[in-house]
Amino acid sequence: MSVLLCLVAGALCFYVLVYYCVFRGARCSSSVTLEGKTVIVTGSNTGIGKATALDLAKRGARVILACRNKDKAEAAAFDIRRESGNNQVVFMQLDLASFKSVRSFAETFLKTEPRLDILINNAGVMGPGHTEDGFGMAFGVNHLGHFLLTNLLLEQLQQCGSSRVVNVAALLHRLGSIDFPLLASKKDLVCGQSTWDNIQAYCNSKLCNVLFTRELANKLEGTSVTCYSLHPGVIYTEFLRNMSLWQRLLVMPFAKLFFLDPEGGSQTTLSCALQEGIEPLSGRYFSNCALQQVGAKGRDDALAKKLWEVSERLTSL
């Protein structure tokens, strides 16, 4: 019996050590308050987006939940208002799979909101299908939708003094690539709609997020707006959402033990949005609340510039 107890105790100690040293991740250390500031968080009705919005609301910000699903977003806004005690949390309709919706959102926001201090491009999808404008879903939502939204709101950001754009990318950007001839012919960065194509499309879109941030920083040099991309970590709920039932059952025990919850997954986003003194690092990539090196393609300035030019054309900017 004593041997069994020792084995159990040893296993628990090992788990705690591995979890806290390897998987748990760093925490945002900023104590900045945001009274009088306005923040947009896309895809904030669930997961790390909702956790991000809740933290910002607790700091006193006016938080705009920019989401596609009205019922889910209004329920999330209600939850956040109740938990934070901040009534300045509102839903605004935004479907990143539709350029028309993105333009409508920006027009409404600019007419009704006097300022924008932080734009957090958090929403992301992985899966088959096409956007309203005919682009592959991951490329269209994860990159083009956020590219258009950011550009439409840049002037408002520049008018608010020190402001920030935060793009939630992923470590999987290292596996991404950009085939411009394929994009021109297929309106996508992959050829098909298989499971592997969907995974590759997601990786490609995350590389686009990193490159977009890099070129945006170049264009914003000398202004009061800075921008950052990041890897939020492997999140329990988000990771399982895109798996089949048998895959979920296989991965769930490990995921329950080691993957980050939404609050943990929001920490690097919050750090990029709030941490003082990182302005000289505009355009760079963060993970675990710290500066990290991106993959080689993510450091390619010529590729970033070409992606920007192509994206301008595709979104009719």
Protein backbone atom coordinates (compact mmCIF):
# COMPACT_ATOMS: atom_id res chain seq x y z
CA MET A 1 0.00 0.00 0.00
CA SER A 2 2.80 2.40 0.91
CA VAL A 3 4.48 1.67 -2.43
CA LEU A 4 1.24 2.50 -4.27
CA LEU A 5 0.88 5.75 -2.35
CA CYS A 6 4.46 6.69 -3.19
CA LEU A 7 3.82 5.99 -6.88
CA VAL A 8 0.63 8.11 -6.86
CA ALA A 9 2.40 10.94 -5.02
CA GLY A 10 5.30 10.74 -7.44
CA ALA A 11 2.96 10.87 -10.44
CA LEU A 12 1.15 13.89 -9.01
CA CYS A 13 4.41 15.71 -8.36
CA PHE A 14 5.57 14.94 -11.89
CA TYR A 15 2.31 16.25 -13.36
CA VAL A 16 2.45 19.47 -11.33
CA LEU A 17 6.10 20.01 -12.30
CA VAL A 18 5.48 19.43 -16.02
CA TYR A 19 2.25 21.45 -16.08
CA TYR A 20 3.61 24.51 -14.34
CA CYS A 21 7.04 24.47 -15.98
CA VAL A 22 6.06 23.50 -19.54
CA PHE A 23 2.34 23.78 -20.30
CA ARG A 24 0.78 26.38 -18.03
CA GLY A 25 2.46 29.36 -19.63
CA ALA A 26 3.24 32.85 -18.41
CA ARG A 27 0.70 35.35 -17.14
CA CYS A 28 0.19 38.93 -18.27
CA SER A 29 1.81 41.05 -15.56
CA SER A 30 0.39 44.43 -16.60
CA SER A 31 -1.71 46.29 -14.04
CA VAL A 32 -2.81 48.94 -16.57
CA THR A 33 -6.38 50.21 -16.25
CA LEU A 34 -8.42 51.20 -19.28
CA GLU A 35 -11.04 53.69 -18.13
CA GLY A 36 -12.02 55.90 -21.05
CA LYS A 37 -10.47 53.50 -23.58
CA THR A 38 -12.31 51.55 -26.29
CA VAL A 39 -11.32 48.06 -27.45
CA ILE A 40 -12.61 45.83 -30.24
CA VAL A 41 -12.17 42.05 -29.89
CA THR A 42 -13.23 39.95 -32.88
CA GLY A 43 -14.59 36.47 -32.25
CA SER A 44 -15.16 37.27 -28.59
CA ASN A 45 -18.31 35.30 -27.86
CA THR A 46 -16.33 32.22 -26.78
CA GLY A 47 -12.89 30.81 -25.99
CA ILE A 48 -9.85 33.03 -25.63
CA GLY A 49 -11.67 35.94 -27.25
CA LYS A 50 -14.28 35.98 -24.51
CA ALA A 51 -11.61 35.58 -21.82
CA THR A 52 -9.68 38.49 -23.34
CA ALA A 53 -12.79 40.68 -23.45
CA LEU A 54 -13.60 39.85 -19.81
CA ASP A 55 -10.15 40.89 -18.60
CA LEU A 56 -10.31 44.16 -20.55
CA ALA A 57 -13.79 44.87 -19.18
CA LYS A 58 -12.52 44.31 -15.62
CA ARG A 59 -9.91 46.99 -16.36
CA GLY A 60 -12.68 49.47 -17.16
CA ALA A 61 -12.53 49.52 -20.98
CA ARG A 62 -15.48 49.96 -23.28
CA VAL A 63 -15.39 46.59 -25.04
CA ILE A 64 -16.95 45.91 -28.43
CA LEU A 65 -17.65 42.23 -29.05
CA ALA A 66 -17.33 42.01 -32.83
CA CYS A 67 -18.96 38.68 -33.68
CA ARG A 68 -20.99 36.92 -36.35
CA ASN A 69 -23.55 35.11 -34.16
CA LYS A 70 -25.88 37.65 -32.53
CA ASP A 71 -27.44 35.34 -29.92
CA LYS A 72 -24.12 33.91 -28.70
CA ALA A 73 -22.45 37.32 -28.65
CA GLU A 74 -25.26 38.97 -26.71
CA ALA A 75 -25.17 36.12 -24.20
CA ALA A 76 -21.39 36.58 -23.88
CA ALA A 77 -21.81 40.34 -23.42
CA PHE A 78 -24.34 39.69 -20.65
CA ASP A 79 -21.94 37.27 -18.91
CA ILE A 80 -19.04 39.72 -19.16
CA ARG A 81 -21.07 42.67 -17.88
CA ARG A 82 -22.26 40.62 -14.93
CA GLU A 83 -18.83 39.24 -14.00
CA SER A 84 -16.88 42.45 -14.56
CA GLY A 85 -19.44 44.92 -13.23
CA ASN A 86 -18.78 46.97 -16.38
CA ASN A 87 -21.86 47.93 -18.39
CA GLN A 88 -19.77 49.25 -21.29
CA VAL A 89 -19.65 45.85 -23.02
CA VAL A 90 -21.64 45.74 -26.25
CA PHE A 91 -22.15 43.51 -29.26
CA MET A 92 -21.68 44.72 -32.84
CA GLN A 93 -22.39 42.47 -35.83
CA LEU A 94 -19.31 41.41 -37.79
CA ASP A 95 -19.00 38.52 -40.24
CA LEU A 96 -15.37 38.34 -41.34
CA ALA A 97 -16.39 35.99 -44.17
CA SER A 98 -18.12 38.92 -45.89
CA PHE A 99 -16.38 42.07 -47.09
CA LYS A 100 -19.80 43.75 -47.11
CA SER A 101 -20.24 42.94 -43.41
CA VAL A 102 -16.72 44.14 -42.56
CA ARG A 103 -17.35 47.46 -44.32
CA SER A 104 -20.75 47.80 -42.65
CA PHE A 105 -19.23 47.13 -39.22
CA ALA A 106 -16.48 49.71 -39.77
CA GLU A 107 -18.97 52.30 -41.02
CA THR A 108 -21.27 51.78 -38.03
CA PHE A 109 -18.37 51.82 -35.57
CA LEU A 110 -16.90 55.03 -36.96
CA LYS A 111 -20.29 56.73 -36.84
CA THR A 112 -21.14 55.69 -33.28
CA GLU A 113 -17.83 55.38 -31.43
CA PRO A 114 -15.57 58.42 -30.90
CA ARG A 115 -12.34 56.49 -30.33
CA LEU A 116 -10.51 53.19 -30.76
CA ASP A 117 -7.48 52.41 -28.60
CA ILE A 118 -6.93 48.68 -29.12
CA LEU A 119 -8.00 46.41 -31.99
CA ILE A 120 -7.62 42.71 -31.22
CA ASN A 121 -7.99 40.53 -34.32
CA ASN A 122 -8.73 37.31 -32.46
CA ALA A 123 -11.30 35.43 -34.56
CA GLY A 124 -10.11 32.40 -36.49
CA VAL A 125 -11.53 29.39 -38.29
CA MET A 126 -10.26 26.05 -39.54
CA GLY A 127 -12.47 24.13 -41.89
CA PRO A 128 -13.90 23.73 -45.38
CA GLY A 129 -16.03 26.13 -47.35
CA HIS A 130 -15.76 29.54 -48.92
CA THR A 131 -16.47 33.08 -47.87
CA GLU A 132 -19.25 35.19 -49.34
CA ASP A 133 -16.68 36.66 -51.72
CA GLY A 134 -15.48 33.26 -52.92
CA PHE A 135 -12.23 32.89 -50.99
CA GLY A 136 -11.15 29.82 -49.05
CA MET A 137 -12.64 30.12 -45.56
CA ALA A 138 -9.41 30.19 -43.52
CA PHE A 139 -7.65 32.65 -45.85
CA GLY A 140 -10.75 34.80 -46.23
CA VAL A 141 -11.65 35.02 -42.53
CA ASN A 142 -8.31 34.73 -40.74
CA HIS A 143 -6.41 37.05 -43.06
CA LEU A 144 -8.45 39.04 -45.57
CA GLY A 145 -11.32 39.90 -43.21
CA HIS A 146 -8.94 41.19 -40.55
CA PHE A 147 -6.75 42.92 -43.14
CA LEU A 148 -9.73 44.88 -44.44
CA LEU A 149 -11.09 45.63 -40.97
CA THR A 150 -7.75 46.93 -39.70
CA ASN A 151 -7.23 49.20 -42.67
CA LEU A 152 -10.73 50.66 -42.41
CA LEU A 153 -10.12 51.50 -38.73
CA LEU A 154 -6.50 52.71 -38.95
CA GLU A 155 -7.36 56.40 -39.10
CA GLN A 156 -9.44 56.10 -35.92
CA LEU A 157 -6.57 54.29 -34.19
CA GLN A 158 -4.13 57.01 -35.23
CA GLN A 159 -6.34 59.71 -33.74
CA CYS A 160 -6.21 58.20 -30.25
CA GLY A 161 -2.55 58.70 -29.42
CA SER A 162 -0.81 55.53 -28.36
CA SER A 163 -2.92 52.67 -29.75
CA ARG A 164 -2.33 49.04 -30.72
CA VAL A 165 -3.33 46.33 -33.16
CA VAL A 166 -2.95 42.76 -31.89
CA ASN A 167 -3.17 39.85 -34.36
CA VAL A 168 -3.67 36.38 -32.91
CA ALA A 169 -1.57 34.08 -35.11
CA ALA A 170 -0.23 30.64 -34.12
CA LEU A 171 2.96 28.61 -33.87
CA LEU A 172 1.66 26.73 -36.92
CA HIS A 173 2.64 29.71 -39.06
CA ARG A 174 5.99 27.91 -39.33
CA LEU A 175 4.29 25.26 -41.49
CA GLY A 176 2.59 27.81 -43.70
CA SER A 177 3.35 28.94 -47.23
CA ILE A 178 1.95 31.42 -49.75
CA ASP A 179 1.50 30.39 -53.39
CA PHE A 180 0.43 33.56 -55.23
CA PRO A 181 -0.28 31.88 -58.60
CA LEU A 182 -2.54 29.37 -56.79
CA LEU A 183 -4.26 32.23 -54.97
CA ALA A 184 -4.86 34.00 -58.29
CA SER A 185 -6.44 30.92 -59.87
CA LYS A 186 -8.24 29.33 -56.91
CA LYS A 187 -8.87 32.33 -54.60
CA ASP A 188 -7.20 30.20 -51.93
CA LEU A 189 -3.77 29.04 -50.78
CA VAL A 190 -4.64 25.32 -51.03
CA CYS A 191 -6.02 23.22 -53.88
CA GLY A 192 -8.78 21.24 -52.17
CA GLN A 193 -11.08 20.80 -49.19
CA SER A 194 -9.72 17.63 -47.58
CA THR A 195 -8.88 17.47 -43.88
CA TRP A 196 -5.21 17.94 -44.68
CA ASP A 197 -6.02 20.87 -46.99
CA ASN A 198 -7.99 22.50 -44.16
CA ILE A 199 -5.08 22.10 -41.75
CA GLN A 200 -2.62 23.46 -44.31
CA ALA A 201 -4.98 26.36 -45.10
CA TYR A 202 -5.03 27.26 -41.41
CA CYS A 203 -1.22 27.19 -41.22
CA ASN A 204 -1.04 29.38 -44.33
CA SER A 205 -3.49 31.89 -42.89
CA LYS A 206 -1.47 32.14 -39.68
CA LEU A 207 1.65 32.89 -41.72
CA CYS A 208 -0.40 35.64 -43.38
CA ASN A 209 -1.21 37.04 -39.93
CA VAL A 210 2.49 37.23 -39.06
CA LEU A 211 3.45 38.82 -42.39
CA PHE A 212 0.54 41.27 -42.25
CA THR A 213 1.71 42.41 -38.81
CA ARG A 214 5.27 42.83 -40.06
CA GLU A 215 4.29 44.98 -43.05
CA LEU A 216 1.72 46.93 -41.01
CA ALA A 217 4.50 47.92 -38.60
CA ASN A 218 6.57 49.18 -41.52
CA LYS A 219 3.68 51.30 -42.78
CA LEU A 220 2.94 52.65 -39.28
CA GLU A 221 6.53 53.61 -38.53
CA GLY A 222 6.62 57.14 -37.13
CA THR A 223 2.99 57.04 -35.99
CA SER A 224 1.56 56.39 -32.52
CA VAL A 225 0.09 53.00 -33.54
CA THR A 226 2.01 49.78 -32.91
CA CYS A 227 1.13 46.20 -33.77
CA TYR A 228 2.04 42.70 -32.65
CA SER A 229 1.33 39.08 -33.62
CA LEU A 230 1.31 36.17 -31.21
CA HIS A 231 0.91 32.48 -30.51
CA PRO A 232 -1.68 32.06 -27.72
CA GLY A 233 -0.69 28.51 -26.82
CA VAL A 234 -2.61 25.26 -27.37
CA ILE A 235 -6.09 25.84 -25.99
CA TYR A 236 -8.25 22.99 -24.71
CA THR A 237 -11.62 24.07 -26.10
CA GLU A 238 -10.36 25.56 -29.35
CA PHE A 239 -8.13 22.59 -30.15
CA LEU A 240 -10.93 20.03 -29.77
CA ARG A 241 -13.54 22.06 -31.64
CA ASN A 242 -12.05 21.12 -35.03
CA MET A 243 -11.69 17.38 -34.36
CA SER A 244 -13.95 14.45 -35.15
CA LEU A 245 -15.62 12.62 -32.26
CA TRP A 246 -13.14 9.73 -32.16
CA GLN A 247 -10.21 12.15 -32.27
CA ARG A 248 -11.67 14.13 -29.37
CA LEU A 249 -12.11 10.99 -27.28
CA LEU A 250 -8.50 10.02 -27.97
CA VAL A 251 -7.00 13.42 -27.18
CA MET A 252 -9.34 14.61 -24.40
CA PRO A 253 -7.56 13.00 -21.39
CA PHE A 254 -4.22 14.55 -22.39
CA ALA A 255 -5.88 17.84 -23.28
CA LYS A 256 -7.70 18.04 -19.95
CA LEU A 257 -4.43 17.58 -18.11
CA PHE A 258 -2.10 19.78 -20.10
CA PHE A 259 -3.72 22.21 -22.56
CA LEU A 260 -4.46 25.79 -21.58
CA ASP A 261 -7.95 26.92 -20.66
CA PRO A 262 -9.31 30.07 -22.38
CA GLU A 263 -8.08 32.33 -19.57
CA GLY A 264 -4.56 30.94 -19.88
CA GLY A 265 -4.76 31.24 -23.65
CA SER A 266 -5.64 34.93 -23.42
CA GLN A 267 -2.52 35.94 -21.50
CA THR A 268 -0.17 36.66 -24.42
CA THR A 269 -2.92 38.60 -26.22
CA LEU A 270 -3.41 40.71 -23.10
CA SER A 271 0.32 41.21 -22.73
CA CYS A 272 0.62 42.48 -26.31
CA ALA A 273 -2.36 44.77 -25.81
CA LEU A 274 -1.34 46.17 -22.43
CA GLN A 275 2.33 45.74 -21.57
CA GLU A 276 4.13 49.05 -21.31
CA GLY A 277 7.47 49.54 -23.01
CA ILE A 278 7.08 47.12 -25.94
CA GLU A 279 6.43 49.85 -28.51
CA PRO A 280 9.94 49.48 -30.05
CA LEU A 281 9.02 45.85 -30.79
CA SER A 282 6.16 46.76 -33.15
CA GLY A 283 5.70 44.17 -35.87
CA ARG A 284 7.29 41.39 -33.84
CA TYR A 285 5.91 38.03 -32.70
CA PHE A 286 5.21 36.96 -29.10
CA SER A 287 4.52 33.71 -27.30
CA ASN A 288 4.21 32.93 -23.61
CA CYS A 289 4.06 36.71 -22.94
CA ALA A 290 7.57 37.18 -24.35
CA LEU A 291 9.23 38.09 -27.62
CA GLN A 292 9.92 35.05 -29.80
CA GLN A 293 11.57 34.41 -33.16
CA VAL A 294 9.23 33.64 -36.07
CA GLY A 295 9.85 31.10 -38.80
CA ALA A 296 12.03 32.10 -41.76
CA LYS A 297 9.05 32.87 -44.02
CA GLY A 298 7.61 35.09 -41.32
CA ARG A 299 10.75 37.27 -41.53
CA ASP A 300 10.59 37.73 -45.30
CA ASP A 301 9.95 41.45 -45.87
CA ALA A 302 9.55 41.03 -49.64
CA LEU A 303 6.91 38.34 -49.08
CA ALA A 304 5.13 40.54 -46.53
CA LYS A 305 5.07 43.48 -48.92
CA LYS A 306 3.73 41.37 -51.80
CA LEU A 307 1.03 39.86 -49.56
CA TRP A 308 -0.03 43.39 -48.57
CA GLU A 309 -0.25 44.52 -52.18
CA VAL A 310 -2.23 41.44 -53.23
CA SER A 311 -4.53 41.78 -50.20
CA GLU A 312 -5.23 45.42 -51.07
CA ARG A 313 -6.29 44.31 -54.54
CA LEU A 314 -8.43 41.43 -53.31
CA THR A 315 -10.27 43.60 -50.79
CA SER A 316 -10.61 46.56 -53.18
CA LEU A 317 -8.94 48.95 -50.78
